[in-house]
Amino acid sequence: MAYKIISDCNNCGACEPECPNNAISMGDDLYVIKLEACTECVGFHDAPQCAAVCPVDACVTDPAHVETEAVLIEKAKKLHPGKDYSGKLPSHFRK
């Protein structure tokens, strides 16, 4: 499932540089995650990095946007066409 940033966000900006897809940006009042670019860090890390670095636990799963690992890998391939996605990919689905 995609991630979203909730109102607990303190606008520290720790999450933004951690996103391998540049899906995080400053919104009107707090940081936001572009749904179409969130891959939950599948293919890059074994855990979503926004949630890992957030000091106030404001990066949370979005139950309204559940996606499978396969869907997230396909999304990552479109976002990063030059990356090799063969072999065992880092993914929180494989813990």
PDB file of N, CA and C in Angstrom:
ATOM      1  N   MET A   1       0.833  -1.163   0.000  1.00  0.00           N
ATOM      2  CA  MET A   1       0.000   0.000   0.000  1.00  0.00           C
ATOM      3  C   MET A   1       0.881   1.231   0.000  1.00  0.00           C
ATOM      4  N   ALA A   2       0.445   2.234  -0.654  1.00  0.00           N
ATOM      5  CA  ALA A   2       1.224   3.469  -0.728  1.00  0.00           C
ATOM      6  C   ALA A   2       1.305   4.111   0.653  1.00  0.00           C
ATOM      7  N   TYR A   3       2.212   5.035   0.779  1.00  0.00           N
ATOM      8  CA  TYR A   3       2.357   5.781   2.021  1.00  0.00           C
ATOM      9  C   TYR A   3       1.772   7.168   1.857  1.00  0.00           C
ATOM     10  N   LYS A   4       1.400   7.744   2.986  1.00  0.00           N
ATOM     11  CA  LYS A   4       0.907   9.116   3.009  1.00  0.00           C
ATOM     12  C   LYS A   4       1.491   9.786   4.253  1.00  0.00           C
ATOM     13  N   ILE A   5       1.449  11.095   4.273  1.00  0.00           N
ATOM     14  CA  ILE A   5       1.942  11.853   5.415  1.00  0.00           C
ATOM     15  C   ILE A   5       0.735  12.476   6.102  1.00  0.00           C
ATOM     16  N   ILE A   6       0.625  12.201   7.382  1.00  0.00           N
ATOM     17  CA  ILE A   6      -0.535  12.686   8.139  1.00  0.00           C
ATOM     18  C   ILE A   6      -0.219  14.012   8.843  1.00  0.00           C
ATOM     19  N   SER A   7      -1.241  14.589   9.437  1.00  0.00           N
ATOM     20  CA  SER A   7      -1.116  15.926  10.024  1.00  0.00           C
ATOM     21  C   SER A   7      -0.143  16.006  11.194  1.00  0.00           C
ATOM     22  N   ASP A   8       0.332  14.884  11.701  1.00  0.00           N
ATOM     23  CA  ASP A   8       1.356  14.900  12.756  1.00  0.00           C
ATOM     24  C   ASP A   8       2.702  15.398  12.236  1.00  0.00           C
ATOM     25  N   CYS A   9       2.842  15.523  10.938  1.00  0.00           N
ATOM     26  CA  CYS A   9       4.092  15.970  10.315  1.00  0.00           C
ATOM     27  C   CYS A   9       4.527  17.312  10.910  1.00  0.00           C
ATOM     28  N   ASN A  10       5.813  17.388  11.266  1.00  0.00           N
ATOM     29  CA  ASN A  10       6.330  18.641  11.826  1.00  0.00           C
ATOM     30  C   ASN A  10       7.170  19.419  10.809  1.00  0.00           C
ATOM     31  N   ASN A  11       7.076  19.010   9.539  1.00  0.00           N
ATOM     32  CA  ASN A  11       7.767  19.697   8.444  1.00  0.00           C
ATOM     33  C   ASN A  11       9.285  19.736   8.594  1.00  0.00           C
ATOM     34  N   CYS A  12       9.851  18.698   9.177  1.00  0.00           N
ATOM     35  CA  CYS A  12      11.306  18.677   9.364  1.00  0.00           C
ATOM     36  C   CYS A  12      12.045  18.423   8.046  1.00  0.00           C
ATOM     37  N   GLY A  13      11.377  17.768   7.093  1.00  0.00           N
ATOM     38  CA  GLY A  13      11.985  17.513   5.802  1.00  0.00           C
ATOM     39  C   GLY A  13      12.891  16.296   5.735  1.00  0.00           C
ATOM     40  N   ALA A  14      12.970  15.514   6.795  1.00  0.00           N
ATOM     41  CA  ALA A  14      13.860  14.344   6.809  1.00  0.00           C
ATOM     42  C   ALA A  14      13.481  13.322   5.741  1.00  0.00           C
ATOM     43  N   CYS A  15      12.228  13.213   5.439  1.00  0.00           N
ATOM     44  CA  CYS A  15      11.750  12.202   4.495  1.00  0.00           C
ATOM     45  C   CYS A  15      12.084  12.520   3.040  1.00  0.00           C
ATOM     46  N   GLU A  16      12.031  13.760   2.676  1.00  0.00           N
ATOM     47  CA  GLU A  16      12.152  14.161   1.264  1.00  0.00           C
ATOM     48  C   GLU A  16      13.403  13.627   0.573  1.00  0.00           C
ATOM     49  N   PRO A  17      14.602  13.801   1.115  1.00  0.00           N
ATOM     50  CA  PRO A  17      15.785  13.315   0.400  1.00  0.00           C
ATOM     51  C   PRO A  17      15.943  11.796   0.431  1.00  0.00           C
ATOM     52  N   GLU A  18      15.189  11.115   1.275  1.00  0.00           N
ATOM     53  CA  GLU A  18      15.304   9.660   1.393  1.00  0.00           C
ATOM     54  C   GLU A  18      14.521   8.911   0.323  1.00  0.00           C
ATOM     55  N   CYS A  19      13.582   9.565  -0.312  1.00  0.00           N
ATOM     56  CA  CYS A  19      12.720   8.899  -1.289  1.00  0.00           C
ATOM     57  C   CYS A  19      13.470   8.664  -2.602  1.00  0.00           C
ATOM     58  N   PRO A  20      13.612   7.404  -3.020  1.00  0.00           N
ATOM     59  CA  PRO A  20      14.328   7.120  -4.264  1.00  0.00           C
ATOM     60  C   PRO A  20      13.567   7.554  -5.514  1.00  0.00           C
ATOM     61  N   ASN A  21      12.304   7.904  -5.357  1.00  0.00           N
ATOM     62  CA  ASN A  21      11.457   8.271  -6.497  1.00  0.00           C
ATOM     63  C   ASN A  21      11.111   9.751  -6.547  1.00  0.00           C
ATOM     64  N   ASN A  22      11.677  10.542  -5.642  1.00  0.00           N
ATOM     65  CA  ASN A  22      11.332  11.963  -5.559  1.00  0.00           C
ATOM     66  C   ASN A  22       9.829  12.174  -5.460  1.00  0.00           C
ATOM     67  N   ALA A  23       9.172  11.296  -4.698  1.00  0.00           N
ATOM     68  CA  ALA A  23       7.721  11.353  -4.558  1.00  0.00           C
ATOM     69  C   ALA A  23       7.272  12.304  -3.457  1.00  0.00           C
ATOM     70  N   ILE A  24       8.204  12.784  -2.639  1.00  0.00           N
ATOM     71  CA  ILE A  24       7.847  13.616  -1.494  1.00  0.00           C
ATOM     72  C   ILE A  24       8.211  15.072  -1.765  1.00  0.00           C
ATOM     73  N   SER A  25       7.269  15.944  -1.487  1.00  0.00           N
ATOM     74  CA  SER A  25       7.521  17.381  -1.652  1.00  0.00           C
ATOM     75  C   SER A  25       6.708  18.152  -0.616  1.00  0.00           C
ATOM     76  N   MET A  26       7.070  19.406  -0.449  1.00  0.00           N
ATOM     77  CA  MET A  26       6.341  20.257   0.488  1.00  0.00           C
ATOM     78  C   MET A  26       5.013  20.647  -0.127  1.00  0.00           C
ATOM     79  N   GLY A  27       3.944  20.426   0.604  1.00  0.00           N
ATOM     80  CA  GLY A  27       2.614  20.828   0.165  1.00  0.00           C
ATOM     81  C   GLY A  27       2.272  22.189   0.739  1.00  0.00           C
ATOM     82  N   ASP A  28       1.000  22.504   0.787  1.00  0.00           N
ATOM     83  CA  ASP A  28       0.567  23.789   1.334  1.00  0.00           C
ATOM     84  C   ASP A  28       0.894  23.924   2.813  1.00  0.00           C
ATOM     85  N   ASP A  29       0.620  22.865   3.580  1.00  0.00           N
ATOM     86  CA  ASP A  29       0.815  22.938   5.025  1.00  0.00           C
ATOM     87  C   ASP A  29       1.844  21.943   5.560  1.00  0.00           C
ATOM     88  N   LEU A  30       2.034  20.850   4.854  1.00  0.00           N
ATOM     89  CA  LEU A  30       2.973  19.823   5.279  1.00  0.00           C
ATOM     90  C   LEU A  30       3.449  19.039   4.068  1.00  0.00           C
ATOM     91  N   TYR A  31       4.402  18.169   4.287  1.00  0.00           N
ATOM     92  CA  TYR A  31       4.927  17.375   3.184  1.00  0.00           C
ATOM     93  C   TYR A  31       3.859  16.416   2.682  1.00  0.00           C
ATOM     94  N   VAL A  32       3.931  16.096   1.391  1.00  0.00           N
ATOM     95  CA  VAL A  32       2.975  15.179   0.768  1.00  0.00           C
ATOM     96  C   VAL A  32       3.743  14.147  -0.064  1.00  0.00           C
ATOM     97  N   ILE A  33       3.096  13.014  -0.281  1.00  0.00           N
ATOM     98  CA  ILE A  33       3.669  11.946  -1.104  1.00  0.00           C
ATOM     99  C   ILE A  33       2.785  11.768  -2.324  1.00  0.00           C
ATOM    100  N   LYS A  34       3.368  11.849  -3.513  1.00  0.00           N
ATOM    101  CA  LYS A  34       2.632  11.627  -4.757  1.00  0.00           C
ATOM    102  C   LYS A  34       2.355  10.136  -4.878  1.00  0.00           C
ATOM    103  N   LEU A  35       1.098   9.772  -4.866  1.00  0.00           N
ATOM    104  CA  LEU A  35       0.679   8.381  -4.932  1.00  0.00           C
ATOM    105  C   LEU A  35       1.273   7.664  -6.140  1.00  0.00           C
ATOM    106  N   GLU A  36       1.261   8.326  -7.280  1.00  0.00           N
ATOM    107  CA  GLU A  36       1.724   7.683  -8.511  1.00  0.00           C
ATOM    108  C   GLU A  36       3.225   7.421  -8.523  1.00  0.00           C
ATOM    109  N   ALA A  37       3.958   8.014  -7.605  1.00  0.00           N
ATOM    110  CA  ALA A  37       5.409   7.813  -7.554  1.00  0.00           C
ATOM    111  C   ALA A  37       5.869   7.018  -6.335  1.00  0.00           C
ATOM    112  N   CYS A  38       4.962   6.686  -5.432  1.00  0.00           N
ATOM    113  CA  CYS A  38       5.339   5.936  -4.232  1.00  0.00           C
ATOM    114  C   CYS A  38       5.394   4.448  -4.550  1.00  0.00           C
ATOM    115  N   THR A  39       6.556   3.863  -4.353  1.00  0.00           N
ATOM    116  CA  THR A  39       6.735   2.421  -4.539  1.00  0.00           C
ATOM    117  C   THR A  39       7.048   1.732  -3.216  1.00  0.00           C
ATOM    118  N   GLU A  40       6.841   2.435  -2.117  1.00  0.00           N
ATOM    119  CA  GLU A  40       7.163   1.913  -0.792  1.00  0.00           C
ATOM    120  C   GLU A  40       8.633   1.498  -0.716  1.00  0.00           C
ATOM    121  N   CYS A  41       9.450   2.085  -1.560  1.00  0.00           N
ATOM    122  CA  CYS A  41      10.891   1.831  -1.667  1.00  0.00           C
ATOM    123  C   CYS A  41      11.210   0.428  -2.178  1.00  0.00           C
ATOM    124  N   VAL A  42      10.214  -0.301  -2.680  1.00  0.00           N
ATOM    125  CA  VAL A  42      10.446  -1.624  -3.256  1.00  0.00           C
ATOM    126  C   VAL A  42      11.417  -1.485  -4.426  1.00  0.00           C
ATOM    127  N   GLY A  43      12.412  -2.344  -4.440  1.00  0.00           N
ATOM    128  CA  GLY A  43      13.436  -2.294  -5.476  1.00  0.00           C
ATOM    129  C   GLY A  43      14.652  -1.486  -5.071  1.00  0.00           C
ATOM    130  N   PHE A  44      14.541  -0.743  -3.969  1.00  0.00           N
ATOM    131  CA  PHE A  44      15.633   0.108  -3.504  1.00  0.00           C
ATOM    132  C   PHE A  44      16.052  -0.200  -2.068  1.00  0.00           C
ATOM    133  N   HIS A  45      15.078  -0.444  -1.199  1.00  0.00           N
ATOM    134  CA  HIS A  45      15.347  -0.670   0.222  1.00  0.00           C
ATOM    135  C   HIS A  45      14.415  -1.753   0.749  1.00  0.00           C
ATOM    136  N   ASP A  46      14.780  -2.341   1.871  1.00  0.00           N
ATOM    137  CA  ASP A  46      13.921  -3.373   2.451  1.00  0.00           C
ATOM    138  C   ASP A  46      12.863  -2.809   3.403  1.00  0.00           C
ATOM    139  N   ALA A  47      12.770  -1.490   3.475  1.00  0.00           N
ATOM    140  CA  ALA A  47      11.740  -0.819   4.272  1.00  0.00           C
ATOM    141  C   ALA A  47      11.504   0.566   3.683  1.00  0.00           C
ATOM    142  N   PRO A  48      10.280   1.073   3.763  1.00  0.00           N
ATOM    143  CA  PRO A  48      10.001   2.426   3.300  1.00  0.00           C
ATOM    144  C   PRO A  48      10.834   3.442   4.089  1.00  0.00           C
ATOM    145  N   GLN A  49      11.651   4.186   3.394  1.00  0.00           N
ATOM    146  CA  GLN A  49      12.593   5.085   4.041  1.00  0.00           C
ATOM    147  C   GLN A  49      11.943   6.304   4.665  1.00  0.00           C
ATOM    148  N   CYS A  50      10.847   6.788   4.111  1.00  0.00           N
ATOM    149  CA  CYS A  50      10.176   7.944   4.712  1.00  0.00           C
ATOM    150  C   CYS A  50       9.746   7.611   6.134  1.00  0.00           C
ATOM    151  N   ALA A  51       9.153   6.443   6.298  1.00  0.00           N
ATOM    152  CA  ALA A  51       8.713   6.022   7.634  1.00  0.00           C
ATOM    153  C   ALA A  51       9.896   5.756   8.550  1.00  0.00           C
ATOM    154  N   ALA A  52      10.972   5.224   7.992  1.00  0.00           N
ATOM    155  CA  ALA A  52      12.145   4.893   8.803  1.00  0.00           C
ATOM    156  C   ALA A  52      12.809   6.129   9.408  1.00  0.00           C
ATOM    157  N   VAL A  53      12.789   7.248   8.689  1.00  0.00           N
ATOM    158  CA  VAL A  53      13.483   8.445   9.181  1.00  0.00           C
ATOM    159  C   VAL A  53      12.570   9.469   9.841  1.00  0.00           C
ATOM    160  N   CYS A  54      11.273   9.289   9.760  1.00  0.00           N
ATOM    161  CA  CYS A  54      10.337  10.281  10.309  1.00  0.00           C
ATOM    162  C   CYS A  54      10.400  10.287  11.838  1.00  0.00           C
ATOM    163  N   PRO A  55      10.751  11.432  12.430  1.00  0.00           N
ATOM    164  CA  PRO A  55      10.879  11.492  13.885  1.00  0.00           C
ATOM    165  C   PRO A  55       9.541  11.520  14.635  1.00  0.00           C
ATOM    166  N   VAL A  56       8.444  11.761  13.915  1.00  0.00           N
ATOM    167  CA  VAL A  56       7.142  11.839  14.583  1.00  0.00           C
ATOM    168  C   VAL A  56       6.148  10.800  14.055  1.00  0.00           C
ATOM    169  N   ASP A  57       6.641   9.826  13.320  1.00  0.00           N
ATOM    170  CA  ASP A  57       5.802   8.751  12.772  1.00  0.00           C
ATOM    171  C   ASP A  57       4.617   9.271  11.966  1.00  0.00           C
ATOM    172  N   ALA A  58       4.888  10.271  11.130  1.00  0.00           N
ATOM    173  CA  ALA A  58       3.830  10.857  10.310  1.00  0.00           C
ATOM    174  C   ALA A  58       3.733  10.233   8.919  1.00  0.00           C
ATOM    175  N   CYS A  59       4.680   9.379   8.555  1.00  0.00           N
ATOM    176  CA  CYS A  59       4.626   8.664   7.277  1.00  0.00           C
ATOM    177  C   CYS A  59       4.017   7.300   7.555  1.00  0.00           C
ATOM    178  N   VAL A  60       2.803   7.111   7.082  1.00  0.00           N
ATOM    179  CA  VAL A  60       2.047   5.903   7.408  1.00  0.00           C
ATOM    180  C   VAL A  60       1.485   5.271   6.143  1.00  0.00           C
ATOM    181  N   THR A  61       1.121   4.001   6.246  1.00  0.00           N
ATOM    182  CA  THR A  61       0.505   3.337   5.109  1.00  0.00           C
ATOM    183  C   THR A  61      -0.864   3.944   4.833  1.00  0.00           C
ATOM    184  N   ASP A  62      -1.230   3.921   3.574  1.00  0.00           N
ATOM    185  CA  ASP A  62      -2.513   4.477   3.149  1.00  0.00           C
ATOM    186  C   ASP A  62      -3.422   3.312   2.754  1.00  0.00           C
ATOM    187  N   PRO A  63      -4.312   2.883   3.643  1.00  0.00           N
ATOM    188  CA  PRO A  63      -5.152   1.719   3.344  1.00  0.00           C
ATOM    189  C   PRO A  63      -6.090   1.926   2.152  1.00  0.00           C
ATOM    190  N   ALA A  64      -6.243   3.138   1.710  1.00  0.00           N
ATOM    191  CA  ALA A  64      -7.084   3.407   0.532  1.00  0.00           C
ATOM    192  C   ALA A  64      -6.353   3.092  -0.762  1.00  0.00           C
ATOM    193  N   HIS A  65      -5.029   2.814  -0.675  1.00  0.00           N
ATOM    194  CA  HIS A  65      -4.229   2.559  -1.873  1.00  0.00           C
ATOM    195  C   HIS A  65      -3.325   1.351  -1.665  1.00  0.00           C
ATOM    196  N   VAL A  66      -3.922   0.186  -1.606  1.00  0.00           N
ATOM    197  CA  VAL A  66      -3.188  -1.058  -1.420  1.00  0.00           C
ATOM    198  C   VAL A  66      -2.650  -1.509  -2.773  1.00  0.00           C
ATOM    199  N   GLU A  67      -1.337  -1.818  -2.816  1.00  0.00           N
ATOM    200  CA  GLU A  67      -0.706  -2.287  -4.047  1.00  0.00           C
ATOM    201  C   GLU A  67       0.164  -3.505  -3.727  1.00  0.00           C
ATOM    202  N   THR A  68       0.220  -4.441  -4.641  1.00  0.00           N
ATOM    203  CA  THR A  68       1.052  -5.631  -4.462  1.00  0.00           C
ATOM    204  C   THR A  68       2.503  -5.309  -4.764  1.00  0.00           C
ATOM    205  N   GLU A  69       3.381  -6.207  -4.356  1.00  0.00           N
ATOM    206  CA  GLU A  69       4.792  -6.032  -4.670  1.00  0.00           C
ATOM    207  C   GLU A  69       5.009  -5.965  -6.184  1.00  0.00           C
ATOM    208  N   ALA A  70       4.317  -6.807  -6.928  1.00  0.00           N
ATOM    209  CA  ALA A  70       4.458  -6.810  -8.393  1.00  0.00           C
ATOM    210  C   ALA A  70       4.061  -5.470  -8.999  1.00  0.00           C
ATOM    211  N   VAL A  71       2.986  -4.886  -8.517  1.00  0.00           N
ATOM    212  CA  VAL A  71       2.534  -3.584  -9.017  1.00  0.00           C
ATOM    213  C   VAL A  71       3.570  -2.512  -8.686  1.00  0.00           C
ATOM    214  N   LEU A  72       4.115  -2.561  -7.481  1.00  0.00           N
ATOM    215  CA  LEU A  72       5.115  -1.570  -7.076  1.00  0.00           C
ATOM    216  C   LEU A  72       6.399  -1.708  -7.884  1.00  0.00           C
ATOM    217  N   ILE A  73       6.794  -2.926  -8.200  1.00  0.00           N
ATOM    218  CA  ILE A  73       7.987  -3.134  -9.032  1.00  0.00           C
ATOM    219  C   ILE A  73       7.754  -2.574 -10.430  1.00  0.00           C
ATOM    220  N   GLU A  74       6.583  -2.803 -10.983  1.00  0.00           N
ATOM    221  CA  GLU A  74       6.274  -2.258 -12.311  1.00  0.00           C
ATOM    222  C   GLU A  74       6.282  -0.730 -12.290  1.00  0.00           C
ATOM    223  N   LYS A  75       5.767  -0.159 -11.222  1.00  0.00           N
ATOM    224  CA  LYS A  75       5.779   1.296 -11.082  1.00  0.00           C
ATOM    225  C   LYS A  75       7.225   1.798 -11.018  1.00  0.00           C
ATOM    226  N   ALA A  76       8.064   1.103 -10.249  1.00  0.00           N
ATOM    227  CA  ALA A  76       9.482   1.485 -10.135  1.00  0.00           C
ATOM    228  C   ALA A  76      10.180   1.384 -11.482  1.00  0.00           C
ATOM    229  N   LYS A  77       9.875   0.363 -12.253  1.00  0.00           N
ATOM    230  CA  LYS A  77      10.483   0.197 -13.587  1.00  0.00           C
ATOM    231  C   LYS A  77      10.143   1.376 -14.493  1.00  0.00           C
ATOM    232  N   LYS A  78       8.921   1.864 -14.407  1.00  0.00           N
ATOM    233  CA  LYS A  78       8.521   3.015 -15.221  1.00  0.00           C
ATOM    234  C   LYS A  78       9.220   4.289 -14.754  1.00  0.00           C
ATOM    235  N   LEU A  79       9.396   4.422 -13.445  1.00  0.00           N
ATOM    236  CA  LEU A  79      10.043   5.611 -12.890  1.00  0.00           C
ATOM    237  C   LEU A  79      11.552   5.620 -13.124  1.00  0.00           C
ATOM    238  N   HIS A  80      12.155   4.435 -13.206  1.00  0.00           N
ATOM    239  CA  HIS A  80      13.611   4.291 -13.342  1.00  0.00           C
ATOM    240  C   HIS A  80      13.929   3.268 -14.433  1.00  0.00           C
ATOM    241  N   PRO A  81      13.673   3.612 -15.694  1.00  0.00           N
ATOM    242  CA  PRO A  81      13.835   2.636 -16.783  1.00  0.00           C
ATOM    243  C   PRO A  81      15.271   2.124 -16.964  1.00  0.00           C
ATOM    244  N   GLY A  82      16.258   2.823 -16.482  1.00  0.00           N
ATOM    245  CA  GLY A  82      17.644   2.384 -16.650  1.00  0.00           C
ATOM    246  C   GLY A  82      18.138   1.446 -15.565  1.00  0.00           C
ATOM    247  N   LYS A  83      17.358   1.244 -14.519  1.00  0.00           N
ATOM    248  CA  LYS A  83      17.774   0.401 -13.393  1.00  0.00           C
ATOM    249  C   LYS A  83      17.533  -1.072 -13.718  1.00  0.00           C
ATOM    250  N   ASP A  84      18.454  -1.924 -13.285  1.00  0.00           N
ATOM    251  CA  ASP A  84      18.318  -3.372 -13.466  1.00  0.00           C
ATOM    252  C   ASP A  84      17.456  -3.933 -12.334  1.00  0.00           C
ATOM    253  N   TYR A  85      16.341  -4.490 -12.676  1.00  0.00           N
ATOM    254  CA  TYR A  85      15.432  -5.055 -11.694  1.00  0.00           C
ATOM    255  C   TYR A  85      15.443  -6.580 -11.708  1.00  0.00           C
ATOM    256  N   SER A  86      16.472  -7.183 -12.248  1.00  0.00           N
ATOM    257  CA  SER A  86      16.568  -8.640 -12.243  1.00  0.00           C
ATOM    258  C   SER A  86      17.149  -9.100 -10.908  1.00  0.00           C
ATOM    259  N   GLY A  87      16.930 -10.334 -10.587  1.00  0.00           N
ATOM    260  CA  GLY A  87      17.463 -10.871  -9.345  1.00  0.00           C
ATOM    261  C   GLY A  87      16.589 -10.532  -8.154  1.00  0.00           C
ATOM    262  N   LYS A  88      17.109 -10.784  -6.981  1.00  0.00           N
ATOM    263  CA  LYS A  88      16.370 -10.532  -5.747  1.00  0.00           C
ATOM    264  C   LYS A  88      16.412  -9.039  -5.437  1.00  0.00           C
ATOM    265  N   LEU A  89      15.236  -8.422  -5.374  1.00  0.00           N
ATOM    266  CA  LEU A  89      15.132  -6.990  -5.119  1.00  0.00           C
ATOM    267  C   LEU A  89      14.859  -6.718  -3.655  1.00  0.00           C
ATOM    268  N   PRO A  90      15.397  -5.630  -3.118  1.00  0.00           N
ATOM    269  CA  PRO A  90      15.055  -5.245  -1.756  1.00  0.00           C
ATOM    270  C   PRO A  90      13.558  -4.931  -1.682  1.00  0.00           C
ATOM    271  N   SER A  91      12.904  -5.454  -0.649  1.00  0.00           N
ATOM    272  CA  SER A  91      11.468  -5.251  -0.505  1.00  0.00           C
ATOM    273  C   SER A  91      11.020  -5.611   0.893  1.00  0.00           C
ATOM    274  N   HIS A  92      10.144  -4.816   1.456  1.00  0.00           N
ATOM    275  CA  HIS A  92       9.583  -5.139   2.770  1.00  0.00           C
ATOM    276  C   HIS A  92       8.613  -6.314   2.696  1.00  0.00           C
ATOM    277  N   PHE A  93       8.219  -6.715   1.493  1.00  0.00           N
ATOM    278  CA  PHE A  93       7.357  -7.868   1.314  1.00  0.00           C
ATOM    279  C   PHE A  93       8.102  -9.176   1.598  1.00  0.00           C
ATOM    280  N   ARG A  94       9.414  -9.133   1.604  1.00  0.00           N
ATOM    281  CA  ARG A  94      10.225 -10.353   1.716  1.00  0.00           C
ATOM    282  C   ARG A  94      10.869 -10.524   3.087  1.00  0.00           C
ATOM    283  N   LYS A  95      10.353  -9.921   4.079  1.00  0.00           N
ATOM    284  CA  LYS A  95      10.918 -10.050   5.419  1.00  0.00           C
ATOM    285  C   LYS A  95      10.465 -11.331   6.072  1.00  0.00           C
TER     286      LYS A  95
END
